Amino acid sequence: MDPCGIDTHVLFRQDSTRVRVDLGPEGTAHHRGRGRPSRVNRWMSGSWSTHGMHRSFPAAGPIRVTFGRLCRDTRIRLDLSQQHLAERVGVSRGYIGKLERGEANPSLALVETVAEALGLDLTLIGRPPVFIGGAHIRDAVHARCTAYVGRRLKSHGLLTEREVEIVQGRSHGWIDLLAFDPRSGTLVIVEVKTRLDDLGAMERQLRWYERESRTVARRIGWDVRRTTSWLLVLASDEVDVVLRQHRALFDDTFPRRARELLADVTSHWAAPRPGRGLAMVDPASRRRDWLIRTRLDGRRSPGSYAGYGDAAGRLARAA
């Protein structure tokens, strides 16, 4: 498994010869958007066998070294000279020697040519990383809500960072908003939701962010003394319905509500209390009390929007 998020394997096969190579994080055999994928220089581990002969490769070594060993052993078994192979491939005999010793850094095209000349079948298999909370691309309503919350928190003197990436193994996620209050050393993990579709996934996602947030904050340069988490949802009737349907869950998991959260911010956490917070936001609102109560908290007025579609249309027209 690739600790940077790619679980990739290369299979070389010739008749009953089969090679499995696990690729690690370095190089460009599997292109991930950083530069042109023109060279084979990833890292590998694995083993291969031919008619009872078994070869094991070290767990960490350039793929060109292992590919070179495979080429050499296969060439010898085929009773081919380096000169003969060089003529088939269209390179010099000296280059074949460098290739077999792992000193050459061939292009992918040349690797394919050599493999064809030796009868090797190369297959690259890649699986994408796991994205927690969906892909990085966000919709317009979500972006408006996140930007709105960031501006409001900055007006209270907090430092903010949006779309903060965290990576653990093959898992990738983005914290919508991190806010830091330098006066109290409080770090606020803000998760913004325009819909509440999968509550279990949301809970797992938030727990992961809470575990990783202090490490991320230290990288930013924030001296964190305490952390708290907020779930801020779009102020819509659609969301209110889900909240009421799962009242027990939200009462237990998010015991602190809009008024308490706003009091914390304005007082710079003068009297901090434990527990996650839940409130609604309307990105078009200019109210001083910008964190809105949910129907769970006794609000009787309808939401700012009927649902996500209503919000998308109205915010687009107002832009």
C-alpha atoms as a PDB file:
ATOM      1  CA  MET A   1       0.000   0.000   0.000  1.00  0.00           C
ATOM      2  CA  ASP A   2       1.313   3.418  -0.948  1.00  0.00           C
ATOM      3  CA  PRO A   3       1.408   5.706   2.130  1.00  0.00           C
ATOM      4  CA  CYS A   4       0.840   8.696  -0.121  1.00  0.00           C
ATOM      5  CA  GLY A   5      -2.451   7.356  -1.353  1.00  0.00           C
ATOM      6  CA  ILE A   6      -1.806   5.113  -4.370  1.00  0.00           C
ATOM      7  CA  ASP A   7      -2.059   1.347  -4.084  1.00  0.00           C
ATOM      8  CA  THR A   8      -0.348   0.277  -7.299  1.00  0.00           C
ATOM      9  CA  HIS A   9       1.029  -2.974  -8.670  1.00  0.00           C
ATOM     10  CA  VAL A  10       3.063  -3.895 -11.750  1.00  0.00           C
ATOM     11  CA  LEU A  11       2.860  -7.400 -13.148  1.00  0.00           C
ATOM     12  CA  PHE A  12       5.510  -8.793 -15.518  1.00  0.00           C
ATOM     13  CA  ARG A  13       4.633 -12.130 -17.085  1.00  0.00           C
ATOM     14  CA  GLN A  14       6.501 -14.384 -19.566  1.00  0.00           C
ATOM     15  CA  ASP A  15       4.990 -17.805 -20.127  1.00  0.00           C
ATOM     16  CA  SER A  16       4.983 -19.182 -16.556  1.00  0.00           C
ATOM     17  CA  THR A  17       7.043 -16.247 -15.287  1.00  0.00           C
ATOM     18  CA  ARG A  18       5.071 -13.866 -13.110  1.00  0.00           C
ATOM     19  CA  VAL A  19       6.367 -10.806 -11.302  1.00  0.00           C
ATOM     20  CA  ARG A  20       4.429  -8.693  -8.841  1.00  0.00           C
ATOM     21  CA  VAL A  21       5.820  -5.309  -7.907  1.00  0.00           C
ATOM     22  CA  ASP A  22       4.301  -3.039  -5.249  1.00  0.00           C
ATOM     23  CA  LEU A  23       5.033   0.546  -6.091  1.00  0.00           C
ATOM     24  CA  GLY A  24       5.662   3.125  -3.386  1.00  0.00           C
ATOM     25  CA  PRO A  25       5.295   6.891  -3.257  1.00  0.00           C
ATOM     26  CA  GLU A  26       8.237   8.163  -5.304  1.00  0.00           C
ATOM     27  CA  GLY A  27       8.541   8.583  -9.059  1.00  0.00           C
ATOM     28  CA  THR A  28       6.299   8.910 -12.056  1.00  0.00           C
ATOM     29  CA  ALA A  29       5.384   5.429 -13.297  1.00  0.00           C
ATOM     30  CA  HIS A  30       1.921   6.313 -12.015  1.00  0.00           C
ATOM     31  CA  HIS A  31       1.446   9.971 -12.901  1.00  0.00           C
ATOM     32  CA  ARG A  32      -0.274  12.097 -10.261  1.00  0.00           C
ATOM     33  CA  GLY A  33      -0.057  15.515 -11.828  1.00  0.00           C
ATOM     34  CA  ARG A  34       3.477  16.520 -10.808  1.00  0.00           C
ATOM     35  CA  GLY A  35       5.554  16.837 -13.907  1.00  0.00           C
ATOM     36  CA  ARG A  36       5.627  14.811 -17.088  1.00  0.00           C
ATOM     37  CA  PRO A  37       5.510  11.002 -16.621  1.00  0.00           C
ATOM     38  CA  SER A  38       8.503  10.241 -18.816  1.00  0.00           C
ATOM     39  CA  ARG A  39      10.778   8.087 -16.643  1.00  0.00           C
ATOM     40  CA  VAL A  40      10.470   4.905 -14.642  1.00  0.00           C
ATOM     41  CA  ASN A  41      11.946   5.791 -11.270  1.00  0.00           C
ATOM     42  CA  ARG A  42       9.448   4.577  -8.683  1.00  0.00           C
ATOM     43  CA  TRP A  43      10.273   2.282  -5.749  1.00  0.00           C
ATOM     44  CA  MET A  44       9.246  -1.320  -5.505  1.00  0.00           C
ATOM     45  CA  SER A  45       9.212  -4.594  -3.611  1.00  0.00           C
ATOM     46  CA  GLY A  46       8.165  -8.054  -4.687  1.00  0.00           C
ATOM     47  CA  SER A  47       9.316 -11.404  -6.078  1.00  0.00           C
ATOM     48  CA  TRP A  48       9.150 -13.454  -9.256  1.00  0.00           C
ATOM     49  CA  SER A  49       9.533 -17.107 -10.190  1.00  0.00           C
ATOM     50  CA  THR A  50      10.204 -19.074 -13.372  1.00  0.00           C
ATOM     51  CA  HIS A  51       9.605 -22.833 -13.553  1.00  0.00           C
ATOM     52  CA  GLY A  52      10.460 -23.352  -9.888  1.00  0.00           C
ATOM     53  CA  MET A  53      13.227 -20.721  -9.751  1.00  0.00           C
ATOM     54  CA  HIS A  54      12.412 -18.018  -7.216  1.00  0.00           C
ATOM     55  CA  ARG A  55      13.940 -14.571  -6.935  1.00  0.00           C
ATOM     56  CA  SER A  56      13.173 -12.142  -4.113  1.00  0.00           C
ATOM     57  CA  PHE A  57      13.801  -8.426  -4.399  1.00  0.00           C
ATOM     58  CA  PRO A  58      14.515  -5.997  -1.562  1.00  0.00           C
ATOM     59  CA  ALA A  59      11.548  -4.103  -0.188  1.00  0.00           C
ATOM     60  CA  ALA A  60      13.018  -0.725  -1.149  1.00  0.00           C
ATOM     61  CA  GLY A  61      14.977  -0.189  -4.361  1.00  0.00           C
ATOM     62  CA  PRO A  62      14.551   1.681  -7.622  1.00  0.00           C
ATOM     63  CA  ILE A  63      12.267  -0.110 -10.047  1.00  0.00           C
ATOM     64  CA  ARG A  64      14.951   0.230 -12.721  1.00  0.00           C
ATOM     65  CA  VAL A  65      17.207  -2.058 -10.619  1.00  0.00           C
ATOM     66  CA  THR A  66      14.609  -4.800 -10.313  1.00  0.00           C
ATOM     67  CA  PHE A  67      13.538  -4.433 -13.929  1.00  0.00           C
ATOM     68  CA  GLY A  68      17.207  -4.705 -14.905  1.00  0.00           C
ATOM     69  CA  ARG A  69      17.604  -7.942 -12.949  1.00  0.00           C
ATOM     70  CA  LEU A  70      14.470  -9.342 -14.531  1.00  0.00           C
ATOM     71  CA  CYS A  71      15.754  -8.462 -18.004  1.00  0.00           C
ATOM     72  CA  ARG A  72      19.143 -10.019 -17.348  1.00  0.00           C
ATOM     73  CA  ASP A  73      17.774 -13.279 -15.929  1.00  0.00           C
ATOM     74  CA  THR A  74      15.182 -13.581 -18.686  1.00  0.00           C
ATOM     75  CA  ARG A  75      17.761 -12.852 -21.404  1.00  0.00           C
ATOM     76  CA  ILE A  76      20.047 -15.592 -20.034  1.00  0.00           C
ATOM     77  CA  ARG A  77      17.182 -18.091 -19.858  1.00  0.00           C
ATOM     78  CA  LEU A  78      16.359 -17.249 -23.484  1.00  0.00           C
ATOM     79  CA  ASP A  79      20.044 -17.762 -24.384  1.00  0.00           C
ATOM     80  CA  LEU A  80      20.321 -14.273 -25.859  1.00  0.00           C
ATOM     81  CA  SER A  81      23.482 -12.194 -25.817  1.00  0.00           C
ATOM     82  CA  GLN A  82      23.447  -8.540 -24.818  1.00  0.00           C
ATOM     83  CA  GLN A  83      24.370  -7.666 -28.389  1.00  0.00           C
ATOM     84  CA  HIS A  84      21.452  -9.659 -29.771  1.00  0.00           C
ATOM     85  CA  LEU A  85      19.015  -7.979 -27.384  1.00  0.00           C
ATOM     86  CA  ALA A  86      20.490  -4.562 -28.161  1.00  0.00           C
ATOM     87  CA  GLU A  87      19.877  -5.110 -31.877  1.00  0.00           C
ATOM     88  CA  ARG A  88      16.279  -6.122 -31.208  1.00  0.00           C
ATOM     89  CA  VAL A  89      15.683  -3.047 -29.072  1.00  0.00           C
ATOM     90  CA  GLY A  90      17.664  -0.592 -31.172  1.00  0.00           C
ATOM     91  CA  VAL A  91      20.201   0.508 -28.552  1.00  0.00           C
ATOM     92  CA  SER A  92      23.870  -0.173 -27.922  1.00  0.00           C
ATOM     93  CA  ARG A  93      25.169  -3.269 -26.129  1.00  0.00           C
ATOM     94  CA  GLY A  94      26.641  -0.958 -23.475  1.00  0.00           C
ATOM     95  CA  TYR A  95      23.204   0.487 -22.757  1.00  0.00           C
ATOM     96  CA  ILE A  96      21.772  -3.010 -22.274  1.00  0.00           C
ATOM     97  CA  GLY A  97      24.556  -3.648 -19.762  1.00  0.00           C
ATOM     98  CA  LYS A  98      23.691  -0.451 -17.890  1.00  0.00           C
ATOM     99  CA  LEU A  99      19.994  -1.378 -18.000  1.00  0.00           C
ATOM    100  CA  GLU A 100      20.626  -4.814 -16.499  1.00  0.00           C
ATOM    101  CA  ARG A 101      22.805  -3.330 -13.736  1.00  0.00           C
ATOM    102  CA  GLY A 102      20.116  -0.816 -12.862  1.00  0.00           C
ATOM    103  CA  GLU A 103      22.279   2.113 -13.894  1.00  0.00           C
ATOM    104  CA  ALA A 104      20.063   3.262 -16.759  1.00  0.00           C
ATOM    105  CA  ASN A 105      16.864   5.242 -16.279  1.00  0.00           C
ATOM    106  CA  PRO A 106      14.814   4.243 -19.329  1.00  0.00           C
ATOM    107  CA  SER A 107      11.662   5.907 -20.552  1.00  0.00           C
ATOM    108  CA  LEU A 108       8.404   4.009 -20.333  1.00  0.00           C
ATOM    109  CA  ALA A 109       8.468   3.584 -24.114  1.00  0.00           C
ATOM    110  CA  LEU A 110      11.879   1.893 -23.953  1.00  0.00           C
ATOM    111  CA  VAL A 111      10.753  -0.345 -21.071  1.00  0.00           C
ATOM    112  CA  GLU A 112       7.871  -1.526 -23.260  1.00  0.00           C
ATOM    113  CA  THR A 113      10.253  -2.150 -26.174  1.00  0.00           C
ATOM    114  CA  VAL A 114      12.645  -4.193 -24.031  1.00  0.00           C
ATOM    115  CA  ALA A 115       9.778  -6.152 -22.512  1.00  0.00           C
ATOM    116  CA  GLU A 116       8.412  -6.963 -25.967  1.00  0.00           C
ATOM    117  CA  ALA A 117      11.834  -8.114 -27.127  1.00  0.00           C
ATOM    118  CA  LEU A 118      12.053 -10.470 -24.133  1.00  0.00           C
ATOM    119  CA  GLY A 119       8.448 -11.620 -24.327  1.00  0.00           C
ATOM    120  CA  LEU A 120       7.496  -9.961 -21.063  1.00  0.00           C
ATOM    121  CA  ASP A 121       3.927  -8.792 -20.573  1.00  0.00           C
ATOM    122  CA  LEU A 122       3.771  -5.566 -18.535  1.00  0.00           C
ATOM    123  CA  THR A 123       0.591  -4.430 -16.814  1.00  0.00           C
ATOM    124  CA  LEU A 124       0.162  -1.351 -14.628  1.00  0.00           C
ATOM    125  CA  ILE A 125      -2.740  -1.500 -12.183  1.00  0.00           C
ATOM    126  CA  GLY A 126      -3.650   1.563 -10.134  1.00  0.00           C
ATOM    127  CA  ARG A 127      -6.341   2.315  -7.591  1.00  0.00           C
ATOM    128  CA  PRO A 128      -7.126   5.908  -6.636  1.00  0.00           C
ATOM    129  CA  PRO A 129      -6.807   7.138  -3.054  1.00  0.00           C
ATOM    130  CA  VAL A 130      -9.739   7.177  -0.670  1.00  0.00           C
ATOM    131  CA  PHE A 131     -11.321  10.613  -0.350  1.00  0.00           C
ATOM    132  CA  ILE A 132     -12.952  11.313   2.993  1.00  0.00           C
ATOM    133  CA  GLY A 133     -15.952  13.572   2.587  1.00  0.00           C
ATOM    134  CA  GLY A 134     -15.914  13.403  -1.200  1.00  0.00           C
ATOM    135  CA  ALA A 135     -13.555  14.888  -3.738  1.00  0.00           C
ATOM    136  CA  HIS A 136     -11.845  18.210  -3.200  1.00  0.00           C
ATOM    137  CA  ILE A 137     -14.097  20.001  -5.674  1.00  0.00           C
ATOM    138  CA  ARG A 138     -16.875  21.781  -3.804  1.00  0.00           C
ATOM    139  CA  ASP A 139     -20.202  23.181  -5.027  1.00  0.00           C
ATOM    140  CA  ALA A 140     -20.963  26.885  -5.171  1.00  0.00           C
ATOM    141  CA  VAL A 141     -23.328  26.901  -2.184  1.00  0.00           C
ATOM    142  CA  HIS A 142     -20.772  25.150  -0.001  1.00  0.00           C
ATOM    143  CA  ALA A 143     -18.075  27.572  -1.135  1.00  0.00           C
ATOM    144  CA  ARG A 144     -20.297  30.565  -0.327  1.00  0.00           C
ATOM    145  CA  CYS A 145     -21.070  29.192   3.137  1.00  0.00           C
ATOM    146  CA  THR A 146     -17.424  28.453   3.940  1.00  0.00           C
ATOM    147  CA  ALA A 147     -16.246  31.869   2.764  1.00  0.00           C
ATOM    148  CA  TYR A 148     -19.017  33.540   4.765  1.00  0.00           C
ATOM    149  CA  VAL A 149     -18.080  31.710   7.974  1.00  0.00           C
ATOM    150  CA  GLY A 150     -14.421  32.565   7.423  1.00  0.00           C
ATOM    151  CA  ARG A 151     -15.177  36.271   7.048  1.00  0.00           C
ATOM    152  CA  ARG A 152     -17.343  36.284  10.158  1.00  0.00           C
ATOM    153  CA  LEU A 153     -14.707  34.538  12.272  1.00  0.00           C
ATOM    154  CA  LYS A 154     -12.023  36.931  11.030  1.00  0.00           C
ATOM    155  CA  SER A 155     -14.197  39.844  12.105  1.00  0.00           C
ATOM    156  CA  HIS A 156     -13.955  38.449  15.646  1.00  0.00           C
ATOM    157  CA  GLY A 157     -10.162  38.404  15.467  1.00  0.00           C
ATOM    158  CA  LEU A 158      -9.630  34.739  14.591  1.00  0.00           C
ATOM    159  CA  LEU A 159      -7.057  33.486  12.092  1.00  0.00           C
ATOM    160  CA  THR A 160      -8.467  31.166   9.435  1.00  0.00           C
ATOM    161  CA  GLU A 161      -7.330  28.617   6.861  1.00  0.00           C
ATOM    162  CA  ARG A 162      -9.760  27.183   4.289  1.00  0.00           C
ATOM    163  CA  GLU A 163      -9.719  23.755   2.627  1.00  0.00           C
ATOM    164  CA  VAL A 164      -6.875  22.371   4.745  1.00  0.00           C
ATOM    165  CA  GLU A 165      -5.693  19.054   3.303  1.00  0.00           C
ATOM    166  CA  ILE A 166      -4.920  16.099   5.548  1.00  0.00           C
ATOM    167  CA  VAL A 167      -3.475  12.807   4.330  1.00  0.00           C
ATOM    168  CA  GLN A 168      -3.162   9.488   6.140  1.00  0.00           C
ATOM    169  CA  GLY A 169      -2.129   6.493   4.062  1.00  0.00           C
ATOM    170  CA  ARG A 170      -4.502   6.257   1.115  1.00  0.00           C
ATOM    171  CA  SER A 171      -7.044   8.529   2.802  1.00  0.00           C
ATOM    172  CA  HIS A 172      -7.330  12.152   1.765  1.00  0.00           C
ATOM    173  CA  GLY A 173      -9.581  14.773   3.297  1.00  0.00           C
ATOM    174  CA  TRP A 174     -10.026  18.514   3.470  1.00  0.00           C
ATOM    175  CA  ILE A 175     -11.078  20.375   6.585  1.00  0.00           C
ATOM    176  CA  ASP A 176     -13.479  23.033   5.374  1.00  0.00           C
ATOM    177  CA  LEU A 177     -12.213  25.676   7.759  1.00  0.00           C
ATOM    178  CA  LEU A 178      -9.705  25.875  10.589  1.00  0.00           C
ATOM    179  CA  ALA A 179      -9.980  28.928  12.822  1.00  0.00           C
ATOM    180  CA  PHE A 180      -7.582  29.881  15.582  1.00  0.00           C
ATOM    181  CA  ASP A 181      -8.076  32.366  18.398  1.00  0.00           C
ATOM    182  CA  PRO A 182      -4.600  33.621  19.430  1.00  0.00           C
ATOM    183  CA  ARG A 183      -5.902  35.094  22.707  1.00  0.00           C
ATOM    184  CA  SER A 184      -7.166  31.817  24.146  1.00  0.00           C
ATOM    185  CA  GLY A 185      -5.207  29.342  22.004  1.00  0.00           C
ATOM    186  CA  THR A 186      -8.479  27.773  20.846  1.00  0.00           C
ATOM    187  CA  LEU A 187      -8.586  25.902  17.565  1.00  0.00           C
ATOM    188  CA  VAL A 188     -12.010  25.587  15.928  1.00  0.00           C
ATOM    189  CA  ILE A 189     -12.572  22.779  13.427  1.00  0.00           C
ATOM    190  CA  VAL A 190     -15.446  23.902  11.216  1.00  0.00           C
ATOM    191  CA  GLU A 191     -17.296  21.388   9.043  1.00  0.00           C
ATOM    192  CA  VAL A 192     -19.806  22.981   6.665  1.00  0.00           C
ATOM    193  CA  LYS A 193     -22.696  20.953   5.261  1.00  0.00           C
ATOM    194  CA  THR A 194     -25.298  22.136   2.767  1.00  0.00           C
ATOM    195  CA  ARG A 195     -27.125  18.792   3.056  1.00  0.00           C
ATOM    196  CA  LEU A 196     -27.183  16.026   5.656  1.00  0.00           C
ATOM    197  CA  ASP A 197     -27.116  12.833   3.605  1.00  0.00           C
ATOM    198  CA  ASP A 198     -24.854  10.348   5.407  1.00  0.00           C
ATOM    199  CA  LEU A 199     -24.681  11.031   9.122  1.00  0.00           C
ATOM    200  CA  GLY A 200     -22.387   8.090   9.858  1.00  0.00           C
ATOM    201  CA  ALA A 201     -19.822   9.239   7.307  1.00  0.00           C
ATOM    202  CA  MET A 202     -20.044  12.778   8.643  1.00  0.00           C
ATOM    203  CA  GLU A 203     -19.331  11.574  12.193  1.00  0.00           C
ATOM    204  CA  ARG A 204     -16.330   9.471  11.098  1.00  0.00           C
ATOM    205  CA  GLN A 205     -15.024  12.344   9.017  1.00  0.00           C
ATOM    206  CA  LEU A 206     -15.221  14.800  11.904  1.00  0.00           C
ATOM    207  CA  ARG A 207     -13.506  12.379  14.324  1.00  0.00           C
ATOM    208  CA  TRP A 208     -10.632  12.010  11.871  1.00  0.00           C
ATOM    209  CA  TYR A 209     -10.300  15.765  11.492  1.00  0.00           C
ATOM    210  CA  GLU A 210     -10.259  16.173  15.268  1.00  0.00           C
ATOM    211  CA  ARG A 211      -7.422  13.661  15.581  1.00  0.00           C
ATOM    212  CA  GLU A 212      -5.302  15.347  12.918  1.00  0.00           C
ATOM    213  CA  SER A 213      -6.123  19.007  13.551  1.00  0.00           C
ATOM    214  CA  ARG A 214      -3.426  19.751  16.120  1.00  0.00           C
ATOM    215  CA  THR A 215      -0.706  18.389  13.844  1.00  0.00           C
ATOM    216  CA  VAL A 216      -1.989  20.505  10.974  1.00  0.00           C
ATOM    217  CA  ALA A 217      -2.218  23.579  13.207  1.00  0.00           C
ATOM    218  CA  ARG A 218       1.391  23.143  14.347  1.00  0.00           C
ATOM    219  CA  ARG A 219       2.497  23.086  10.712  1.00  0.00           C
ATOM    220  CA  ILE A 220       0.693  26.368  10.180  1.00  0.00           C
ATOM    221  CA  GLY A 221       2.454  27.796  13.232  1.00  0.00           C
ATOM    222  CA  TRP A 222      -0.469  28.026  15.664  1.00  0.00           C
ATOM    223  CA  ASP A 223       0.148  27.315  19.355  1.00  0.00           C
ATOM    224  CA  VAL A 224      -3.005  25.341  20.173  1.00  0.00           C
ATOM    225  CA  ARG A 225      -4.100  24.882  23.787  1.00  0.00           C
ATOM    226  CA  ARG A 226      -7.615  23.539  23.224  1.00  0.00           C
ATOM    227  CA  THR A 227      -9.758  22.400  20.315  1.00  0.00           C
ATOM    228  CA  THR A 228     -13.457  22.461  19.587  1.00  0.00           C
ATOM    229  CA  SER A 229     -15.551  21.335  16.623  1.00  0.00           C
ATOM    230  CA  TRP A 230     -18.482  23.049  14.934  1.00  0.00           C
ATOM    231  CA  LEU A 231     -20.945  21.595  12.466  1.00  0.00           C
ATOM    232  CA  LEU A 232     -22.438  24.506  10.547  1.00  0.00           C
ATOM    233  CA  VAL A 233     -25.303  23.608   8.223  1.00  0.00           C
ATOM    234  CA  LEU A 234     -27.181  25.555   5.575  1.00  0.00           C
ATOM    235  CA  ALA A 235     -30.178  27.352   7.046  1.00  0.00           C
ATOM    236  CA  SER A 236     -32.809  25.438   5.095  1.00  0.00           C
ATOM    237  CA  ASP A 237     -36.069  23.688   5.902  1.00  0.00           C
ATOM    238  CA  GLU A 238     -34.637  20.587   4.227  1.00  0.00           C
ATOM    239  CA  VAL A 239     -31.809  20.398   6.763  1.00  0.00           C
ATOM    240  CA  ASP A 240     -34.146  21.163   9.662  1.00  0.00           C
ATOM    241  CA  VAL A 241     -36.237  18.124   8.727  1.00  0.00           C
ATOM    242  CA  VAL A 242     -33.203  15.832   8.968  1.00  0.00           C
ATOM    243  CA  LEU A 243     -32.201  17.369  12.282  1.00  0.00           C
ATOM    244  CA  ARG A 244     -35.641  16.707  13.746  1.00  0.00           C
ATOM    245  CA  GLN A 245     -35.659  13.140  12.415  1.00  0.00           C
ATOM    246  CA  HIS A 246     -32.378  12.448  14.225  1.00  0.00           C
ATOM    247  CA  ARG A 247     -32.879  14.660  17.268  1.00  0.00           C
ATOM    248  CA  ALA A 248     -31.392  12.185  19.749  1.00  0.00           C
ATOM    249  CA  LEU A 249     -28.222  11.805  17.703  1.00  0.00           C
ATOM    250  CA  PHE A 250     -27.632  15.534  17.344  1.00  0.00           C
ATOM    251  CA  ASP A 251     -28.526  16.293  20.953  1.00  0.00           C
ATOM    252  CA  ASP A 252     -25.939  13.762  22.089  1.00  0.00           C
ATOM    253  CA  THR A 253     -23.211  14.457  19.539  1.00  0.00           C
ATOM    254  CA  PHE A 254     -23.547  18.239  19.212  1.00  0.00           C
ATOM    255  CA  PRO A 255     -24.786  19.481  22.607  1.00  0.00           C
ATOM    256  CA  ARG A 256     -23.704  23.093  22.189  1.00  0.00           C
ATOM    257  CA  ARG A 257     -25.793  25.384  19.999  1.00  0.00           C
ATOM    258  CA  ALA A 258     -25.754  28.728  18.200  1.00  0.00           C
ATOM    259  CA  ARG A 259     -26.005  31.108  21.146  1.00  0.00           C
ATOM    260  CA  GLU A 260     -23.276  29.336  23.103  1.00  0.00           C
ATOM    261  CA  LEU A 261     -20.962  29.231  20.093  1.00  0.00           C
ATOM    262  CA  LEU A 262     -21.441  32.924  19.401  1.00  0.00           C
ATOM    263  CA  ALA A 263     -20.806  33.715  23.078  1.00  0.00           C
ATOM    264  CA  ASP A 264     -17.546  31.744  22.921  1.00  0.00           C
ATOM    265  CA  VAL A 265     -16.342  33.666  19.885  1.00  0.00           C
ATOM    266  CA  THR A 266     -17.229  37.119  21.170  1.00  0.00           C
ATOM    267  CA  SER A 267     -15.682  36.428  24.599  1.00  0.00           C
ATOM    268  CA  HIS A 268     -12.657  34.657  23.103  1.00  0.00           C
ATOM    269  CA  TRP A 269     -13.545  31.522  25.039  1.00  0.00           C
ATOM    270  CA  ALA A 270     -13.454  33.223  28.439  1.00  0.00           C
ATOM    271  CA  ALA A 271     -15.454  30.337  29.911  1.00  0.00           C
ATOM    272  CA  PRO A 272     -14.925  27.388  27.556  1.00  0.00           C
ATOM    273  CA  ARG A 273     -17.183  24.360  27.853  1.00  0.00           C
ATOM    274  CA  PRO A 274     -16.605  20.932  26.300  1.00  0.00           C
ATOM    275  CA  GLY A 275     -18.686  19.515  23.477  1.00  0.00           C
ATOM    276  CA  ARG A 276     -19.178  19.972  19.777  1.00  0.00           C
ATOM    277  CA  GLY A 277     -21.371  22.732  18.445  1.00  0.00           C
ATOM    278  CA  LEU A 278     -24.234  22.846  15.937  1.00  0.00           C
ATOM    279  CA  ALA A 279     -25.676  25.917  14.237  1.00  0.00           C
ATOM    280  CA  MET A 280     -27.069  27.119  10.915  1.00  0.00           C
ATOM    281  CA  VAL A 281     -25.699  29.757   8.563  1.00  0.00           C
ATOM    282  CA  ASP A 282     -27.136  31.840   5.751  1.00  0.00           C
ATOM    283  CA  PRO A 283     -24.307  33.116   3.511  1.00  0.00           C
ATOM    284  CA  ALA A 284     -26.461  36.049   2.398  1.00  0.00           C
ATOM    285  CA  SER A 285     -27.283  37.208   5.926  1.00  0.00           C
ATOM    286  CA  ARG A 286     -25.905  40.411   7.440  1.00  0.00           C
ATOM    287  CA  ARG A 287     -27.304  39.780  10.883  1.00  0.00           C
ATOM    288  CA  ARG A 288     -25.075  40.450  13.848  1.00  0.00           C
ATOM    289  CA  ASP A 289     -26.128  37.112  15.345  1.00  0.00           C
ATOM    290  CA  TRP A 290     -24.898  35.265  12.278  1.00  0.00           C
ATOM    291  CA  LEU A 291     -25.035  31.784  13.849  1.00  0.00           C
ATOM    292  CA  ILE A 292     -28.695  30.761  13.500  1.00  0.00           C
ATOM    293  CA  ARG A 293     -30.591  28.442  15.814  1.00  0.00           C
ATOM    294  CA  THR A 294     -32.071  25.221  14.435  1.00  0.00           C
ATOM    295  CA  ARG A 295     -35.641  24.045  14.987  1.00  0.00           C
ATOM    296  CA  LEU A 296     -34.203  21.732  17.658  1.00  0.00           C
ATOM    297  CA  ASP A 297     -33.383  24.849  19.680  1.00  0.00           C
ATOM    298  CA  GLY A 298     -36.884  26.274  19.555  1.00  0.00           C
ATOM    299  CA  ARG A 299     -36.682  28.413  16.426  1.00  0.00           C
ATOM    300  CA  ARG A 300     -40.168  28.767  14.968  1.00  0.00           C
ATOM    301  CA  SER A 301     -39.505  30.774  11.828  1.00  0.00           C
ATOM    302  CA  PRO A 302     -38.902  28.963   8.525  1.00  0.00           C
ATOM    303  CA  GLY A 303     -35.398  28.484   7.242  1.00  0.00           C
ATOM    304  CA  SER A 304     -33.737  31.021   4.995  1.00  0.00           C
ATOM    305  CA  TYR A 305     -34.145  28.556   2.115  1.00  0.00           C
ATOM    306  CA  ALA A 306     -36.525  25.725   1.307  1.00  0.00           C
ATOM    307  CA  GLY A 307     -33.650  23.435   0.375  1.00  0.00           C
ATOM    308  CA  TYR A 308     -30.362  23.176  -1.444  1.00  0.00           C
ATOM    309  CA  GLY A 309     -31.863  23.899  -4.870  1.00  0.00           C
ATOM    310  CA  ASP A 310     -33.583  27.034  -3.599  1.00  0.00           C
ATOM    311  CA  ALA A 311     -30.335  28.265  -2.051  1.00  0.00           C
ATOM    312  CA  ALA A 312     -28.333  27.549  -5.215  1.00  0.00           C
ATOM    313  CA  GLY A 313     -30.760  29.477  -7.381  1.00  0.00           C
ATOM    314  CA  ARG A 314     -31.149  32.478  -5.115  1.00  0.00           C
ATOM    315  CA  LEU A 315     -27.463  32.815  -4.322  1.00  0.00           C
ATOM    316  CA  ALA A 316     -26.598  32.544  -8.023  1.00  0.00           C
ATOM    317  CA  ARG A 317     -29.056  35.297  -8.928  1.00  0.00           C
ATOM    318  CA  ALA A 318     -27.722  37.526  -6.151  1.00  0.00           C
ATOM    319  CA  ALA A 319     -24.068  37.041  -7.193  1.00  0.00           C
END
